[in-house]
Amino acid sequence: MIEMIPPGVRTTLMGQQDSEQSMPLDDFLTEVLDLLREKPDAKELVVERARFLRNAVANGFYDDVLAMISAG
């Protein structure tokens, strides 16, 4: 099992299909497939656009990130 840390993705699943802040689906899929090829034994995959979310606690800006995503 591989844990996936996705960003918002432009799909109808979460109503983000028109969101400029969300990652285009094709870009997301391309990056994920590239990561899977590069790291087939990975336990976790983080697309670059979601790295700030993944590292928010460790970098000490969790409250700022939470406020930002809650406002959108």
PDB file of N, CA and C in Angstrom:
ATOM      1  N   MET A   1       0.840  -1.150   0.000  1.00  0.00           N
ATOM      2  CA  MET A   1       0.000   0.000   0.000  1.00  0.00           C
ATOM      3  C   MET A   1       0.898   1.230   0.000  1.00  0.00           C
ATOM      4  N   ILE A   2       0.525   2.220  -0.801  1.00  0.00           N
ATOM      5  CA  ILE A   2       1.258   3.480  -0.881  1.00  0.00           C
ATOM      6  C   ILE A   2       0.325   4.600  -0.464  1.00  0.00           C
ATOM      7  N   GLU A   3       0.775   5.381   0.499  1.00  0.00           N
ATOM      8  CA  GLU A   3      -0.012   6.545   0.912  1.00  0.00           C
ATOM      9  C   GLU A   3       0.222   7.658  -0.100  1.00  0.00           C
ATOM     10  N   MET A   4      -0.865   8.282  -0.536  1.00  0.00           N
ATOM     11  CA  MET A   4      -0.808   9.358  -1.520  1.00  0.00           C
ATOM     12  C   MET A   4      -1.222  10.665  -0.854  1.00  0.00           C
ATOM     13  N   ILE A   5      -0.408  11.694  -0.998  1.00  0.00           N
ATOM     14  CA  ILE A   5      -0.737  13.007  -0.478  1.00  0.00           C
ATOM     15  C   ILE A   5      -1.054  13.878  -1.686  1.00  0.00           C
ATOM     16  N   PRO A   6      -2.346  14.018  -2.023  1.00  0.00           N
ATOM     17  CA  PRO A   6      -2.709  14.785  -3.211  1.00  0.00           C
ATOM     18  C   PRO A   6      -3.025  16.244  -2.872  1.00  0.00           C
ATOM     19  N   PRO A   7      -2.891  17.105  -3.849  1.00  0.00           N
ATOM     20  CA  PRO A   7      -3.383  18.471  -3.703  1.00  0.00           C
ATOM     21  C   PRO A   7      -4.848  18.481  -4.108  1.00  0.00           C
ATOM     22  N   GLY A   8      -5.465  19.647  -4.126  1.00  0.00           N
ATOM     23  CA  GLY A   8      -6.774  19.758  -4.758  1.00  0.00           C
ATOM     24  C   GLY A   8      -6.585  19.475  -6.241  1.00  0.00           C
ATOM     25  N   VAL A   9      -7.450  18.674  -6.820  1.00  0.00           N
ATOM     26  CA  VAL A   9      -7.338  18.314  -8.234  1.00  0.00           C
ATOM     27  C   VAL A   9      -8.627  18.731  -8.928  1.00  0.00           C
ATOM     28  N   ARG A  10      -8.498  19.273 -10.127  1.00  0.00           N
ATOM     29  CA  ARG A  10      -9.656  19.748 -10.887  1.00  0.00           C
ATOM     30  C   ARG A  10     -10.506  18.581 -11.390  1.00  0.00           C
ATOM     31  N   THR A  11     -11.421  18.152 -10.522  1.00  0.00           N
ATOM     32  CA  THR A  11     -12.388  17.114 -10.890  1.00  0.00           C
ATOM     33  C   THR A  11     -13.742  17.509 -10.307  1.00  0.00           C
ATOM     34  N   THR A  12     -14.763  16.817 -10.742  1.00  0.00           N
ATOM     35  CA  THR A  12     -16.103  17.062 -10.191  1.00  0.00           C
ATOM     36  C   THR A  12     -16.295  16.352  -8.866  1.00  0.00           C
ATOM     37  N   LEU A  13     -15.369  15.456  -8.510  1.00  0.00           N
ATOM     38  CA  LEU A  13     -15.493  14.674  -7.281  1.00  0.00           C
ATOM     39  C   LEU A  13     -15.673  15.571  -6.055  1.00  0.00           C
ATOM     40  N   MET A  14     -14.884  16.611  -5.939  1.00  0.00           N
ATOM     41  CA  MET A  14     -14.980  17.519  -4.793  1.00  0.00           C
ATOM     42  C   MET A  14     -15.438  18.910  -5.227  1.00  0.00           C
ATOM     43  N   GLY A  15     -16.004  19.020  -6.436  1.00  0.00           N
ATOM     44  CA  GLY A  15     -16.495  20.298  -6.929  1.00  0.00           C
ATOM     45  C   GLY A  15     -15.387  21.291  -7.245  1.00  0.00           C
ATOM     46  N   GLN A  16     -14.208  20.784  -7.583  1.00  0.00           N
ATOM     47  CA  GLN A  16     -13.068  21.660  -7.843  1.00  0.00           C
ATOM     48  C   GLN A  16     -12.740  21.780  -9.334  1.00  0.00           C
ATOM     49  N   GLN A  17     -13.668  21.379 -10.195  1.00  0.00           N
ATOM     50  CA  GLN A  17     -13.406  21.339 -11.627  1.00  0.00           C
ATOM     51  C   GLN A  17     -13.076  22.698 -12.233  1.00  0.00           C
ATOM     52  N   ASP A  18     -13.512  23.795 -11.612  1.00  0.00           N
ATOM     53  CA  ASP A  18     -13.255  25.127 -12.142  1.00  0.00           C
ATOM     54  C   ASP A  18     -12.282  25.928 -11.283  1.00  0.00           C
ATOM     55  N   SER A  19     -11.691  25.294 -10.294  1.00  0.00           N
ATOM     56  CA  SER A  19     -10.809  25.988  -9.358  1.00  0.00           C
ATOM     57  C   SER A  19      -9.423  26.221  -9.955  1.00  0.00           C
ATOM     58  N   GLU A  20      -9.027  27.474 -10.018  1.00  0.00           N
ATOM     59  CA  GLU A  20      -7.689  27.814 -10.497  1.00  0.00           C
ATOM     60  C   GLU A  20      -6.614  27.353  -9.511  1.00  0.00           C
ATOM     61  N   GLN A  21      -6.976  27.175  -8.231  1.00  0.00           N
ATOM     62  CA  GLN A  21      -6.021  26.722  -7.230  1.00  0.00           C
ATOM     63  C   GLN A  21      -5.784  25.216  -7.301  1.00  0.00           C
ATOM     64  N   SER A  22      -6.683  24.504  -7.946  1.00  0.00           N
ATOM     65  CA  SER A  22      -6.563  23.051  -8.037  1.00  0.00           C
ATOM     66  C   SER A  22      -5.677  22.654  -9.213  1.00  0.00           C
ATOM     67  N   MET A  23      -5.019  21.535  -9.058  1.00  0.00           N
ATOM     68  CA  MET A  23      -4.100  21.023 -10.070  1.00  0.00           C
ATOM     69  C   MET A  23      -4.890  20.361 -11.198  1.00  0.00           C
ATOM     70  N   PRO A  24      -4.554  20.641 -12.442  1.00  0.00           N
ATOM     71  CA  PRO A  24      -5.226  19.963 -13.555  1.00  0.00           C
ATOM     72  C   PRO A  24      -5.048  18.444 -13.438  1.00  0.00           C
ATOM     73  N   LEU A  25      -6.094  17.719 -13.711  1.00  0.00           N
ATOM     74  CA  LEU A  25      -6.082  16.267 -13.553  1.00  0.00           C
ATOM     75  C   LEU A  25      -4.963  15.607 -14.356  1.00  0.00           C
ATOM     76  N   ASP A  26      -4.774  15.999 -15.602  1.00  0.00           N
ATOM     77  CA  ASP A  26      -3.722  15.389 -16.423  1.00  0.00           C
ATOM     78  C   ASP A  26      -2.339  15.609 -15.819  1.00  0.00           C
ATOM     79  N   ASP A  27      -2.087  16.797 -15.278  1.00  0.00           N
ATOM     80  CA  ASP A  27      -0.798  17.079 -14.645  1.00  0.00           C
ATOM     81  C   ASP A  27      -0.608  16.205 -13.404  1.00  0.00           C
ATOM     82  N   PHE A  28      -1.664  16.061 -12.628  1.00  0.00           N
ATOM     83  CA  PHE A  28      -1.608  15.229 -11.425  1.00  0.00           C
ATOM     84  C   PHE A  28      -1.293  13.781 -11.790  1.00  0.00           C
ATOM     85  N   LEU A  29      -2.021  13.241 -12.748  1.00  0.00           N
ATOM     86  CA  LEU A  29      -1.816  11.850 -13.143  1.00  0.00           C
ATOM     87  C   LEU A  29      -0.412  11.616 -13.701  1.00  0.00           C
ATOM     88  N   THR A  30       0.071  12.549 -14.504  1.00  0.00           N
ATOM     89  CA  THR A  30       1.425  12.429 -15.055  1.00  0.00           C
ATOM     90  C   THR A  30       2.464  12.406 -13.950  1.00  0.00           C
ATOM     91  N   GLU A  31       2.335  13.317 -12.989  1.00  0.00           N
ATOM     92  CA  GLU A  31       3.311  13.365 -11.897  1.00  0.00           C
ATOM     93  C   GLU A  31       3.250  12.109 -11.034  1.00  0.00           C
ATOM     94  N   VAL A  32       2.052  11.642 -10.733  1.00  0.00           N
ATOM     95  CA  VAL A  32       1.909  10.423  -9.915  1.00  0.00           C
ATOM     96  C   VAL A  32       2.512   9.219 -10.631  1.00  0.00           C
ATOM     97  N   LEU A  33       2.225   9.064 -11.906  1.00  0.00           N
ATOM     98  CA  LEU A  33       2.783   7.925 -12.646  1.00  0.00           C
ATOM     99  C   LEU A  33       4.301   8.018 -12.734  1.00  0.00           C
ATOM    100  N   ASP A  34       4.835   9.212 -12.896  1.00  0.00           N
ATOM    101  CA  ASP A  34       6.285   9.388 -12.893  1.00  0.00           C
ATOM    102  C   ASP A  34       6.881   8.995 -11.538  1.00  0.00           C
ATOM    103  N   LEU A  35       6.235   9.426 -10.463  1.00  0.00           N
ATOM    104  CA  LEU A  35       6.707   9.079  -9.121  1.00  0.00           C
ATOM    105  C   LEU A  35       6.668   7.571  -8.893  1.00  0.00           C
ATOM    106  N   LEU A  36       5.621   6.919  -9.363  1.00  0.00           N
ATOM    107  CA  LEU A  36       5.505   5.469  -9.212  1.00  0.00           C
ATOM    108  C   LEU A  36       6.608   4.740  -9.987  1.00  0.00           C
ATOM    109  N   ARG A  37       6.955   5.246 -11.163  1.00  0.00           N
ATOM    110  CA  ARG A  37       8.038   4.651 -11.941  1.00  0.00           C
ATOM    111  C   ARG A  37       9.385   4.852 -11.254  1.00  0.00           C
ATOM    112  N   GLU A  38       9.594   6.072 -10.713  1.00  0.00           N
ATOM    113  CA  GLU A  38      10.868   6.397 -10.070  1.00  0.00           C
ATOM    114  C   GLU A  38      11.044   5.691  -8.730  1.00  0.00           C
ATOM    115  N   LYS A  39       9.939   5.512  -8.004  1.00  0.00           N
ATOM    116  CA  LYS A  39       9.999   4.966  -6.645  1.00  0.00           C
ATOM    117  C   LYS A  39       8.959   3.862  -6.464  1.00  0.00           C
ATOM    118  N   PRO A  40       9.116   2.737  -7.140  1.00  0.00           N
ATOM    119  CA  PRO A  40       8.095   1.681  -7.068  1.00  0.00           C
ATOM    120  C   PRO A  40       7.909   1.088  -5.671  1.00  0.00           C
ATOM    121  N   ASP A  41       8.887   1.232  -4.801  1.00  0.00           N
ATOM    122  CA  ASP A  41       8.782   0.686  -3.448  1.00  0.00           C
ATOM    123  C   ASP A  41       8.433   1.746  -2.409  1.00  0.00           C
ATOM    124  N   ALA A  42       8.035   2.926  -2.854  1.00  0.00           N
ATOM    125  CA  ALA A  42       7.732   4.026  -1.930  1.00  0.00           C
ATOM    126  C   ALA A  42       6.572   3.664  -1.005  1.00  0.00           C
ATOM    127  N   LYS A  43       6.630   4.155   0.197  1.00  0.00           N
ATOM    128  CA  LYS A  43       5.530   4.001   1.157  1.00  0.00           C
ATOM    129  C   LYS A  43       4.587   5.202   1.080  1.00  0.00           C
ATOM    130  N   GLU A  44       5.118   6.307   0.524  1.00  0.00           N
ATOM    131  CA  GLU A  44       4.351   7.550   0.449  1.00  0.00           C
ATOM    132  C   GLU A  44       4.746   8.285  -0.824  1.00  0.00           C
ATOM    133  N   LEU A  45       3.750   8.836  -1.513  1.00  0.00           N
ATOM    134  CA  LEU A  45       3.993   9.678  -2.679  1.00  0.00           C
ATOM    135  C   LEU A  45       3.398  11.050  -2.419  1.00  0.00           C
ATOM    136  N   VAL A  46       4.203  12.063  -2.656  1.00  0.00           N
ATOM    137  CA  VAL A  46       3.743  13.440  -2.469  1.00  0.00           C
ATOM    138  C   VAL A  46       4.009  14.193  -3.756  1.00  0.00           C
ATOM    139  N   VAL A  47       2.948  14.631  -4.433  1.00  0.00           N
ATOM    140  CA  VAL A  47       3.179  15.461  -5.610  1.00  0.00           C
ATOM    141  C   VAL A  47       3.695  16.811  -5.130  1.00  0.00           C
ATOM    142  N   GLU A  48       4.509  17.434  -5.939  1.00  0.00           N
ATOM    143  CA  GLU A  48       5.187  18.665  -5.527  1.00  0.00           C
ATOM    144  C   GLU A  48       4.202  19.729  -5.045  1.00  0.00           C
ATOM    145  N   ARG A  49       3.079  19.820  -5.705  1.00  0.00           N
ATOM    146  CA  ARG A  49       2.092  20.849  -5.361  1.00  0.00           C
ATOM    147  C   ARG A  49       1.466  20.629  -3.978  1.00  0.00           C
ATOM    148  N   ALA A  50       1.595  19.434  -3.416  1.00  0.00           N
ATOM    149  CA  ALA A  50       1.031  19.135  -2.093  1.00  0.00           C
ATOM    150  C   ALA A  50       2.093  19.081  -1.003  1.00  0.00           C
ATOM    151  N   ARG A  51       3.349  19.293  -1.370  1.00  0.00           N
ATOM    152  CA  ARG A  51       4.438  19.171  -0.405  1.00  0.00           C
ATOM    153  C   ARG A  51       4.279  20.144   0.765  1.00  0.00           C
ATOM    154  N   PHE A  52       3.799  21.371   0.499  1.00  0.00           N
ATOM    155  CA  PHE A  52       3.621  22.325   1.595  1.00  0.00           C
ATOM    156  C   PHE A  52       2.583  21.828   2.599  1.00  0.00           C
ATOM    157  N   LEU A  53       1.573  21.097   2.141  1.00  0.00           N
ATOM    158  CA  LEU A  53       0.584  20.510   3.058  1.00  0.00           C
ATOM    159  C   LEU A  53       1.216  19.408   3.890  1.00  0.00           C
ATOM    160  N   ARG A  54       1.962  18.547   3.221  1.00  0.00           N
ATOM    161  CA  ARG A  54       2.591  17.406   3.883  1.00  0.00           C
ATOM    162  C   ARG A  54       3.583  17.852   4.957  1.00  0.00           C
ATOM    163  N   ASN A  55       4.288  18.939   4.696  1.00  0.00           N
ATOM    164  CA  ASN A  55       5.343  19.392   5.595  1.00  0.00           C
ATOM    165  C   ASN A  55       4.933  20.531   6.518  1.00  0.00           C
ATOM    166  N   ALA A  56       3.677  20.892   6.540  1.00  0.00           N
ATOM    167  CA  ALA A  56       3.222  22.046   7.318  1.00  0.00           C
ATOM    168  C   ALA A  56       3.558  21.939   8.804  1.00  0.00           C
ATOM    169  N   VAL A  57       3.325  20.807   9.403  1.00  0.00           N
ATOM    170  CA  VAL A  57       3.605  20.644  10.839  1.00  0.00           C
ATOM    171  C   VAL A  57       5.107  20.710  11.097  1.00  0.00           C
ATOM    172  N   ALA A  58       5.867  19.940  10.324  1.00  0.00           N
ATOM    173  CA  ALA A  58       7.317  19.891  10.531  1.00  0.00           C
ATOM    174  C   ALA A  58       7.974  21.247  10.318  1.00  0.00           C
ATOM    175  N   ASN A  59       7.423  22.035   9.410  1.00  0.00           N
ATOM    176  CA  ASN A  59       8.003  23.347   9.113  1.00  0.00           C
ATOM    177  C   ASN A  59       7.441  24.457   9.989  1.00  0.00           C
ATOM    178  N   GLY A  60       6.483  24.123  10.848  1.00  0.00           N
ATOM    179  CA  GLY A  60       5.954  25.099  11.800  1.00  0.00           C
ATOM    180  C   GLY A  60       4.936  26.074  11.245  1.00  0.00           C
ATOM    181  N   PHE A  61       4.304  25.744  10.133  1.00  0.00           N
ATOM    182  CA  PHE A  61       3.288  26.660   9.613  1.00  0.00           C
ATOM    183  C   PHE A  61       1.933  25.983   9.373  1.00  0.00           C
ATOM    184  N   TYR A  62       1.606  25.011  10.214  1.00  0.00           N
ATOM    185  CA  TYR A  62       0.334  24.310  10.124  1.00  0.00           C
ATOM    186  C   TYR A  62      -0.857  25.264  10.226  1.00  0.00           C
ATOM    187  N   ASP A  63      -0.829  26.177  11.209  1.00  0.00           N
ATOM    188  CA  ASP A  63      -1.953  27.106  11.391  1.00  0.00           C
ATOM    189  C   ASP A  63      -2.156  27.977  10.161  1.00  0.00           C
ATOM    190  N   ASP A  64      -1.083  28.427   9.552  1.00  0.00           N
ATOM    191  CA  ASP A  64      -1.178  29.255   8.345  1.00  0.00           C
ATOM    192  C   ASP A  64      -1.772  28.466   7.178  1.00  0.00           C
ATOM    193  N   VAL A  65      -1.318  27.233   7.008  1.00  0.00           N
ATOM    194  CA  VAL A  65      -1.826  26.391   5.915  1.00  0.00           C
ATOM    195  C   VAL A  65      -3.287  26.055   6.146  1.00  0.00           C
ATOM    196  N   LEU A  66      -3.640  25.726   7.369  1.00  0.00           N
ATOM    197  CA  LEU A  66      -5.041  25.427   7.679  1.00  0.00           C
ATOM    198  C   LEU A  66      -5.935  26.621   7.398  1.00  0.00           C
ATOM    199  N   ALA A  67      -5.512  27.803   7.785  1.00  0.00           N
ATOM    200  CA  ALA A  67      -6.298  29.021   7.515  1.00  0.00           C
ATOM    201  C   ALA A  67      -6.431  29.261   6.020  1.00  0.00           C
ATOM    202  N   MET A  68      -5.361  29.017   5.281  1.00  0.00           N
ATOM    203  CA  MET A  68      -5.391  29.240   3.838  1.00  0.00           C
ATOM    204  C   MET A  68      -6.360  28.287   3.144  1.00  0.00           C
ATOM    205  N   ILE A  69      -6.300  27.002   3.482  1.00  0.00           N
ATOM    206  CA  ILE A  69      -7.177  26.059   2.781  1.00  0.00           C
ATOM    207  C   ILE A  69      -8.614  26.154   3.285  1.00  0.00           C
ATOM    208  N   SER A  70      -8.813  26.617   4.477  1.00  0.00           N
ATOM    209  CA  SER A  70     -10.173  26.773   5.013  1.00  0.00           C
ATOM    210  C   SER A  70     -10.878  27.976   4.396  1.00  0.00           C
ATOM    211  N   ALA A  71     -10.109  28.974   3.975  1.00  0.00           N
ATOM    212  CA  ALA A  71     -10.686  30.175   3.371  1.00  0.00           C
ATOM    213  C   ALA A  71     -11.204  29.916   1.972  1.00  0.00           C
ATOM    214  N   GLY A  72     -10.639  28.906   1.282  1.00  0.00           N
ATOM    215  CA  GLY A  72     -10.983  28.628  -0.111  1.00  0.00           C
ATOM    216  C   GLY A  72     -12.180  27.852  -0.230  1.00  0.00           C
TER     217      GLY A  72
END
